[in-house]
């Protein structure tokens, strides 16, 4: 193996001079630098990355903590895998040119006993990206005393560290407003995501906001899903099995995969979409465009989420004194025909950011249960359950 000493011997300089050239320092004459670089090329010398990192007191490694939700589903149907694949592409695009590396680990939800393992993770990386905000705030604060931390797809209200998230609330409000304003939908059914998912909670807040602004509309029930196609099918089956209950005008799902499952359940039962009931999702994954009918949804920029979160982490590694900030990335309303738009419709509309005071939505109703339906003879509560 070619060493620093071999390069120094061929170039006729000291090892210290070779080291300065390798590290890009400017205390080397140009003629000497050229001679050293020629020796490096001739010998095929590859600098020892570990030694360079040690000299800079840095590892050039970013940690990524992902969530692996346990459910009875095929991996290809796991929203987390689709989501993290896009996020990973964004992170990798940001660090590729800087020759940093990525170290990945998975947690199994908010009650994972492996949280202490993340503390040992801090000794192997320069900073950590944590997905979905499921790690408790006190634990996040403790991690942040050791290494820089950025949360992506977490709650916008985390104060201890930086957060980069899609503007889920505004996107959800936009698609629900479209159902009410453009298609005259009045009776809505909500398919919630995992109870520990900040994205699902924010999307529910958007639904709640629109219902508050439209007293002629009501929420006829809800189902707590698991972000999988299978849980969407179960949501549709539970809705159809409610005794004596009529179909809602529209089913609003917290993500596309559950919406796809709802479409499958409705198709098996002979329920027409959108003629009998409209269905909308969130995320804009590719399979949604292949459904029959194609799925109306909200696009969240998953790859850009990874890019922006990684960029902020690199900034924080370079300057740990930066104050924590929250960055919300804009979403797009993607109109197809499952909402009631004409067949063949493919329209994308930027979603403006809503500024909604949180007290308006606080304490609206109880937390979601597996399925909620109105009692016979009573009008369903318009206020939605707080996710």
Protein backbone atom coordinates (compact mmCIF):
# COMPACT_ATOMS: atom_id res chain seq x y z
CA UNK A 1 0.00 0.00 0.00
CA UNK A 2 1.32 3.43 -0.95
CA UNK A 3 1.96 5.65 2.09
CA UNK A 4 2.54 9.30 2.83
CA UNK A 5 6.26 8.49 3.17
CA UNK A 6 6.36 7.05 -0.35
CA UNK A 7 4.89 10.26 -1.77
CA UNK A 8 7.32 12.40 0.24
CA UNK A 9 10.29 10.32 -0.96
CA UNK A 10 9.29 10.56 -4.64
CA UNK A 11 8.53 14.30 -4.45
CA UNK A 12 11.68 15.03 -2.46
CA UNK A 13 9.82 16.80 0.36
CA UNK A 14 8.92 16.16 3.97
CA UNK A 15 5.84 14.22 5.03
CA UNK A 16 4.57 17.43 6.63
CA UNK A 17 4.62 19.13 3.24
CA UNK A 18 2.70 16.23 1.66
CA UNK A 19 0.14 16.46 4.46
CA UNK A 20 -0.32 20.19 3.87
CA UNK A 21 -0.93 19.57 0.16
CA UNK A 22 -3.40 16.77 0.88
CA UNK A 23 -5.32 18.98 3.32
CA UNK A 24 -5.37 21.96 0.93
CA UNK A 25 -3.36 24.23 3.18
CA UNK A 26 -1.73 27.27 1.60
CA UNK A 27 1.72 27.18 3.24
CA UNK A 28 3.26 25.41 0.22
CA UNK A 29 4.97 26.91 -2.83
CA UNK A 30 3.06 26.33 -6.05
CA UNK A 31 5.97 24.46 -7.68
CA UNK A 32 6.23 22.17 -4.65
CA UNK A 33 2.47 21.60 -4.63
CA UNK A 34 2.54 20.56 -8.28
CA UNK A 35 5.45 18.18 -7.64
CA UNK A 36 3.62 16.55 -4.71
CA UNK A 37 0.39 16.23 -6.70
CA UNK A 38 2.29 14.59 -9.55
CA UNK A 39 3.81 12.11 -7.09
CA UNK A 40 0.37 11.36 -5.67
CA UNK A 41 -1.01 10.66 -9.15
CA UNK A 42 1.99 8.58 -10.20
CA UNK A 43 1.86 6.39 -7.10
CA UNK A 44 -1.94 6.25 -6.89
CA UNK A 45 -1.85 7.44 -3.28
CA UNK A 46 -5.22 7.55 -1.47
CA UNK A 47 -5.24 9.66 1.73
CA UNK A 48 -6.30 7.88 4.92
CA UNK A 49 -9.76 9.32 5.57
CA UNK A 50 -9.75 8.24 9.21
CA UNK A 51 -6.44 9.97 9.84
CA UNK A 52 -7.65 13.14 8.12
CA UNK A 53 -10.84 13.13 10.17
CA UNK A 54 -8.84 12.66 13.36
CA UNK A 55 -6.62 15.60 12.50
CA UNK A 56 -9.74 17.74 12.03
CA UNK A 57 -11.48 16.21 15.10
CA UNK A 58 -14.27 15.20 12.73
CA UNK A 59 -15.50 11.90 11.31
CA UNK A 60 -17.19 13.16 8.13
CA UNK A 61 -20.13 10.88 8.91
CA UNK A 62 -23.82 11.76 9.33
CA UNK A 63 -26.20 9.49 11.21
CA UNK A 64 -29.75 8.88 10.01
CA UNK A 65 -32.38 7.47 12.39
CA UNK A 66 -35.43 6.09 10.55
CA UNK A 67 -38.68 4.59 11.77
CA UNK A 68 -39.62 1.03 10.87
CA UNK A 69 -43.28 0.58 11.70
CA UNK A 70 -44.30 -2.98 12.44
CA UNK A 71 -47.40 -4.13 10.59
CA UNK A 72 -48.65 -7.15 8.69
CA UNK A 73 -47.80 -5.94 5.23
CA UNK A 74 -45.37 -6.56 2.44
CA UNK A 75 -42.24 -4.42 2.58
CA UNK A 76 -43.10 -2.94 -0.82
CA UNK A 77 -46.29 -1.58 0.77
CA UNK A 78 -44.45 0.03 3.68
CA UNK A 79 -44.87 3.78 3.42
CA UNK A 80 -41.75 4.25 5.50
CA UNK A 81 -39.59 2.47 2.93
CA UNK A 82 -40.98 4.59 0.09
CA UNK A 83 -40.66 7.74 2.17
CA UNK A 84 -37.12 7.07 3.42
CA UNK A 85 -35.94 6.03 -0.02
CA UNK A 86 -36.75 9.52 -1.27
CA UNK A 87 -35.32 11.20 1.84
CA UNK A 88 -32.11 9.19 1.48
CA UNK A 89 -31.73 10.34 -2.10
CA UNK A 90 -31.99 13.92 -0.91
CA UNK A 91 -29.44 13.44 1.88
CA UNK A 92 -27.03 11.62 -0.40
CA UNK A 93 -27.29 14.35 -3.03
CA UNK A 94 -26.29 16.89 -0.39
CA UNK A 95 -23.23 15.05 0.99
CA UNK A 96 -21.98 13.29 -2.15
CA UNK A 97 -19.75 16.12 -3.36
CA UNK A 98 -18.34 16.66 0.12
CA UNK A 99 -17.32 12.99 0.39
CA UNK A 100 -19.17 12.48 3.64
CA UNK A 101 -20.64 9.10 4.58
CA UNK A 102 -24.04 8.08 5.93
CA UNK A 103 -24.68 5.70 8.85
CA UNK A 104 -28.29 4.47 9.10
CA UNK A 105 -30.24 2.81 11.89
CA UNK A 106 -33.94 2.03 12.39
CA UNK A 107 -36.22 2.40 15.40
CA UNK A 108 -39.48 0.52 15.75
CA UNK A 109 -41.81 3.32 16.79
CA UNK A 110 -42.06 5.57 19.84
CA UNK A 111 -41.83 2.70 22.35
CA UNK A 112 -38.70 1.12 20.89
CA UNK A 113 -36.46 -0.10 23.73
CA UNK A 114 -33.47 0.74 21.53
CA UNK A 115 -33.44 4.46 22.35
CA UNK A 116 -30.29 4.08 24.50
CA UNK A 117 -28.58 2.60 21.44
CA UNK A 118 -28.96 6.00 19.77
CA UNK A 119 -26.80 7.53 22.50
CA UNK A 120 -23.90 5.27 21.50
CA UNK A 121 -24.66 6.27 17.90
CA UNK A 122 -23.55 9.81 18.75
CA UNK A 123 -19.98 8.65 19.21
CA UNK A 124 -19.75 7.47 15.61
CA UNK A 125 -21.09 10.52 13.76
CA UNK A 126 -20.71 14.29 13.52
CA UNK A 127 -24.46 14.89 13.60
CA UNK A 128 -27.78 13.05 13.47
CA UNK A 129 -30.89 13.34 11.32
CA UNK A 130 -33.94 11.86 13.07
CA UNK A 131 -37.09 10.99 11.14
CA UNK A 132 -40.74 11.56 12.04
CA UNK A 133 -40.22 13.12 15.44
CA UNK A 134 -41.11 9.99 17.39
CA UNK A 135 -38.14 10.32 19.76
CA UNK A 136 -39.32 12.07 22.97
CA UNK A 137 -38.26 15.70 23.39
CA UNK A 138 -36.25 15.12 26.63
CA UNK A 139 -34.22 12.43 24.85
CA UNK A 140 -33.72 14.73 21.86
CA UNK A 141 -32.45 17.47 24.18
CA UNK A 142 -29.97 15.04 25.73
CA UNK A 143 -28.72 13.95 22.31
CA UNK A 144 -28.33 17.57 21.23
CA UNK A 145 -25.84 18.17 24.04
CA UNK A 146 -23.58 15.58 22.43
CA UNK A 147 -23.92 16.18 18.68
CA UNK A 148 -25.90 18.46 16.36
CA UNK A 149 -29.41 17.10 15.72
CA UNK A 150 -31.99 17.92 13.04
CA UNK A 151 -35.46 16.35 12.90
CA UNK A 152 -37.18 15.88 9.56
CA UNK A 153 -40.92 15.21 9.19
CA UNK A 154 -41.33 16.05 12.87
CA UNK A 155 -43.64 18.35 14.75
CA UNK A 156 -43.09 22.01 13.83
CA UNK A 157 -43.24 22.86 17.52
CA UNK A 158 -40.08 21.09 18.69
CA UNK A 159 -38.00 23.81 20.36
CA UNK A 160 -34.75 22.09 21.33
CA UNK A 161 -33.46 21.34 17.80
CA UNK A 162 -33.94 22.24 14.15
CA UNK A 163 -36.97 20.81 12.35
CA UNK A 164 -37.52 20.48 8.60
CA UNK A 165 -41.01 19.32 7.60
CA UNK A 166 -43.54 19.57 4.81
CA UNK A 167 -46.36 22.04 5.38
CA UNK A 168 -48.77 19.21 6.13
CA UNK A 169 -51.44 21.38 7.72
CA UNK A 170 -51.79 23.69 4.72
CA UNK A 171 -51.71 20.80 2.26
CA UNK A 172 -54.42 18.91 4.11
CA UNK A 173 -56.56 22.04 4.38
CA UNK A 174 -56.17 22.61 0.63
CA UNK A 175 -57.42 19.17 -0.42
CA UNK A 176 -60.35 19.26 2.03
CA UNK A 177 -61.27 22.77 0.86
CA UNK A 178 -61.25 21.49 -2.72
CA UNK A 179 -63.69 18.72 -1.80
CA UNK A 180 -66.07 21.16 -0.12
CA UNK A 181 -65.78 24.20 -2.37
CA UNK A 182 -65.37 22.58 -5.80
CA UNK A 183 -67.34 19.35 -5.38
CA UNK A 184 -69.91 20.24 -2.72
CA UNK A 185 -68.87 17.49 -0.29
CA UNK A 186 -70.41 17.90 3.16
CA UNK A 187 -70.02 14.60 5.04
CA UNK A 188 -66.38 13.54 5.47
CA UNK A 189 -64.74 10.43 6.89
CA UNK A 190 -61.11 10.57 8.11
CA UNK A 191 -58.51 7.77 7.95
CA UNK A 192 -55.84 8.65 10.49
CA UNK A 193 -52.20 7.51 10.44
CA UNK A 194 -50.24 6.12 13.41
CA UNK A 195 -51.04 8.04 16.56
CA UNK A 196 -47.34 8.88 17.10
CA UNK A 197 -46.92 10.35 13.59
CA UNK A 198 -46.48 14.16 13.58
CA UNK A 199 -47.34 14.28 9.87
CA UNK A 200 -50.68 12.58 10.47
CA UNK A 201 -51.48 14.93 13.37
CA UNK A 202 -50.71 18.00 11.27
CA UNK A 203 -52.86 16.70 8.42
CA UNK A 204 -55.69 16.17 10.89
CA UNK A 205 -55.29 19.74 12.13
CA UNK A 206 -55.74 20.92 8.53
CA UNK A 207 -58.98 18.96 8.25
CA UNK A 208 -60.20 20.34 11.58
CA UNK A 209 -59.45 23.90 10.48
CA UNK A 210 -61.55 23.59 7.33
CA UNK A 211 -64.45 21.98 9.21
CA UNK A 212 -64.42 24.85 11.72
CA UNK A 213 -64.62 27.29 8.83
CA UNK A 214 -67.50 25.39 7.16
CA UNK A 215 -70.27 24.77 9.72
CA UNK A 216 -72.43 23.16 7.03
CA UNK A 217 -69.97 20.26 6.95
CA UNK A 218 -69.41 17.42 9.42
CA UNK A 219 -67.10 14.57 10.24
CA UNK A 220 -69.08 11.32 10.16
CA UNK A 221 -66.35 9.11 11.63
CA UNK A 222 -62.70 8.14 11.59
CA UNK A 223 -60.41 5.11 11.57
CA UNK A 224 -56.86 4.84 12.92
CA UNK A 225 -54.71 3.20 10.28
CA UNK A 226 -51.05 2.34 10.06
CA UNK A 227 -49.89 4.07 6.84
CA UNK A 228 -50.22 0.74 4.97
CA UNK A 229 -52.46 -0.40 2.12
CA UNK A 230 -53.78 -3.16 4.36
CA UNK A 231 -54.88 -0.73 7.08
CA UNK A 232 -56.60 1.37 4.40
CA UNK A 233 -58.52 -1.71 3.28
CA UNK A 234 -59.58 -2.33 6.88
CA UNK A 235 -60.69 1.30 7.18
CA UNK A 236 -62.86 0.89 4.09
CA UNK A 237 -64.30 -2.39 5.32
CA UNK A 238 -65.09 -0.91 8.75
CA UNK A 239 -66.81 2.04 7.12
CA UNK A 240 -68.92 -0.21 4.92
CA UNK A 241 -69.80 -2.48 7.86
CA UNK A 242 -71.35 0.25 10.02
CA UNK A 243 -74.96 -0.81 10.60
CA UNK A 244 -77.51 1.51 9.01
CA UNK A 245 -74.93 4.17 8.21
CA UNK A 246 -74.94 5.85 4.82
CA UNK A 247 -71.72 6.46 2.96
CA UNK A 248 -69.96 9.77 3.54
CA UNK A 249 -69.51 12.15 0.64
CA UNK A 250 -65.72 11.82 0.80
CA UNK A 251 -63.01 9.81 2.53
CA UNK A 252 -59.90 11.80 3.44
CA UNK A 253 -56.82 9.66 4.11
CA UNK A 254 -53.66 10.74 5.94
CA UNK A 255 -51.51 9.11 3.26
CA UNK A 256 -51.75 7.66 -0.23
CA UNK A 257 -51.23 4.03 0.68
CA UNK A 258 -54.18 3.97 3.05
CA UNK A 259 -56.22 5.77 0.38
CA UNK A 260 -55.23 3.04 -2.11
CA UNK A 261 -56.41 0.43 0.41
CA UNK A 262 -59.71 2.28 0.77
CA UNK A 263 -60.13 2.23 -3.02
CA UNK A 264 -59.55 -1.53 -3.05
CA UNK A 265 -62.16 -2.12 -0.31
CA UNK A 266 -64.72 0.07 -2.06
CA UNK A 267 -64.13 -1.61 -5.42
CA UNK A 268 -64.72 -5.06 -3.91
CA UNK A 269 -68.01 -3.84 -2.46
CA UNK A 270 -69.15 -2.34 -5.77
CA UNK A 271 -68.97 1.23 -4.46
CA UNK A 272 -68.14 3.65 -7.28
CA UNK A 273 -65.44 6.33 -6.87
CA UNK A 274 -66.05 9.22 -7.21
CA UNK A 275 -69.73 8.78 -8.13
CA UNK A 276 -70.76 7.26 -4.77
CA UNK A 277 -67.94 8.58 -2.60
CA UNK A 278 -64.80 10.63 -3.28
CA UNK A 279 -61.38 9.52 -1.99
CA UNK A 280 -58.24 11.63 -1.50
CA UNK A 281 -54.80 10.93 -0.05
CA UNK A 282 -51.55 12.67 0.83
CA UNK A 283 -47.88 12.30 -0.28
CA UNK A 284 -48.20 11.84 -4.08
CA UNK A 285 -46.48 8.47 -4.38
CA UNK A 286 -46.30 7.08 -7.90
CA UNK A 287 -48.72 4.13 -7.41
CA UNK A 288 -51.50 6.61 -6.65
CA UNK A 289 -51.40 7.84 -10.24
CA UNK A 290 -51.98 4.27 -11.47
CA UNK A 291 -55.16 3.66 -9.48
CA UNK A 292 -58.60 3.46 -11.04
CA UNK A 293 -59.58 6.22 -10.72
CA UNK A 294 -56.22 8.01 -10.33
CA UNK A 295 -55.82 9.41 -6.82
CA UNK A 296 -56.22 13.08 -5.95
CA UNK A 297 -53.60 13.86 -3.32
CA UNK A 298 -51.15 16.39 -1.89
CA UNK A 299 -47.52 16.30 -2.97
CA UNK A 300 -44.94 16.60 -0.21
CA UNK A 301 -41.34 17.13 -1.41
CA UNK A 302 -39.78 14.07 0.22
CA UNK A 303 -36.43 14.30 -1.55
CA UNK A 304 -36.11 18.00 -0.83
CA UNK A 305 -36.95 17.20 2.79
CA UNK A 306 -33.76 15.13 2.94
CA UNK A 307 -31.73 17.79 1.16
CA UNK A 308 -32.84 20.65 3.39
CA UNK A 309 -32.53 18.68 6.63
CA UNK A 310 -29.03 17.56 5.68
CA UNK A 311 -28.02 21.08 4.64
CA UNK A 312 -29.18 22.42 8.00
CA UNK A 313 -27.30 19.68 9.85
CA UNK A 314 -24.08 20.51 7.99
CA UNK A 315 -24.57 24.17 8.89
CA UNK A 316 -25.05 23.23 12.54
CA UNK A 317 -21.97 20.98 12.52
CA UNK A 318 -19.96 23.92 11.22
CA UNK A 319 -21.54 26.31 13.72
CA UNK A 320 -23.06 24.57 16.78
CA UNK A 321 -24.12 27.93 18.22
CA UNK A 322 -26.89 28.43 15.63
CA UNK A 323 -30.34 28.92 17.13
CA UNK A 324 -32.86 26.14 16.35
CA UNK A 325 -35.25 26.94 13.52
CA UNK A 326 -38.24 25.26 11.89
CA UNK A 327 -38.46 25.15 8.10
CA UNK A 328 -41.75 24.19 6.46
CA UNK A 329 -41.49 23.12 2.83
CA UNK A 330 -44.45 24.03 0.58
CA UNK A 331 -46.77 21.35 -0.77
CA UNK A 332 -48.79 21.02 -3.99
CA UNK A 333 -52.42 20.05 -4.50
CA UNK A 334 -52.50 17.28 -7.13
CA UNK A 335 -55.94 16.97 -8.73
CA UNK A 336 -56.89 13.78 -10.52
CA UNK A 337 -60.30 12.14 -10.80
CA UNK A 338 -60.85 10.27 -7.49
CA UNK A 339 -62.20 13.50 -5.94
CA UNK A 340 -64.77 14.12 -8.65
CA UNK A 341 -62.67 16.04 -11.18
CA UNK A 342 -63.22 14.92 -14.81
CA UNK A 343 -61.42 11.75 -15.98
CA UNK A 344 -57.95 12.53 -17.31
CA UNK A 345 -57.47 15.52 -14.99
CA UNK A 346 -53.89 16.09 -13.85
CA UNK A 347 -53.54 19.54 -12.30
CA UNK A 348 -50.91 20.70 -9.83
CA UNK A 349 -51.51 23.79 -7.72
CA UNK A 350 -49.06 25.34 -5.25
CA UNK A 351 -50.51 25.44 -1.73
CA UNK A 352 -50.15 28.74 0.16
CA UNK A 353 -49.09 28.54 3.79
CA UNK A 354 -51.87 28.97 6.36
CA UNK A 355 -51.23 30.80 9.60
CA UNK A 356 -53.56 29.14 12.10
CA UNK A 357 -53.54 29.89 15.83
CA UNK A 358 -53.25 26.60 17.66
CA UNK A 359 -55.78 27.45 20.42
CA UNK A 360 -58.49 27.32 17.74
CA UNK A 361 -57.94 23.60 17.35
CA UNK A 362 -57.01 22.58 20.88
CA UNK A 363 -59.31 20.23 22.75
CA UNK A 364 -61.69 19.77 19.85
CA UNK A 365 -62.69 16.21 20.68
CA UNK A 366 -61.34 12.87 21.95
CA UNK A 367 -58.44 11.01 20.39
CA UNK A 368 -59.16 8.68 17.48
CA UNK A 369 -60.33 5.16 18.25
CA UNK A 370 -60.28 2.29 15.71
CA UNK A 371 -63.59 3.44 14.27
CA UNK A 372 -66.00 6.17 15.28
CA UNK A 373 -69.53 6.43 13.99
CA UNK A 374 -72.57 8.46 15.02
CA UNK A 375 -75.22 6.93 17.23
CA UNK A 376 -78.53 6.15 15.47
CA UNK A 377 -80.82 9.13 15.40
CA UNK A 378 -78.11 11.62 16.28
CA UNK A 379 -76.28 14.06 14.05
CA UNK A 380 -72.54 13.27 13.97
CA UNK A 381 -70.32 15.78 15.76
CA UNK A 382 -68.82 18.30 13.37
CA UNK A 383 -65.71 18.79 15.45
CA UNK A 384 -63.00 16.31 14.59
CA UNK A 385 -61.10 14.23 17.07
CA UNK A 386 -57.76 15.62 18.07
CA UNK A 387 -54.99 13.43 16.71
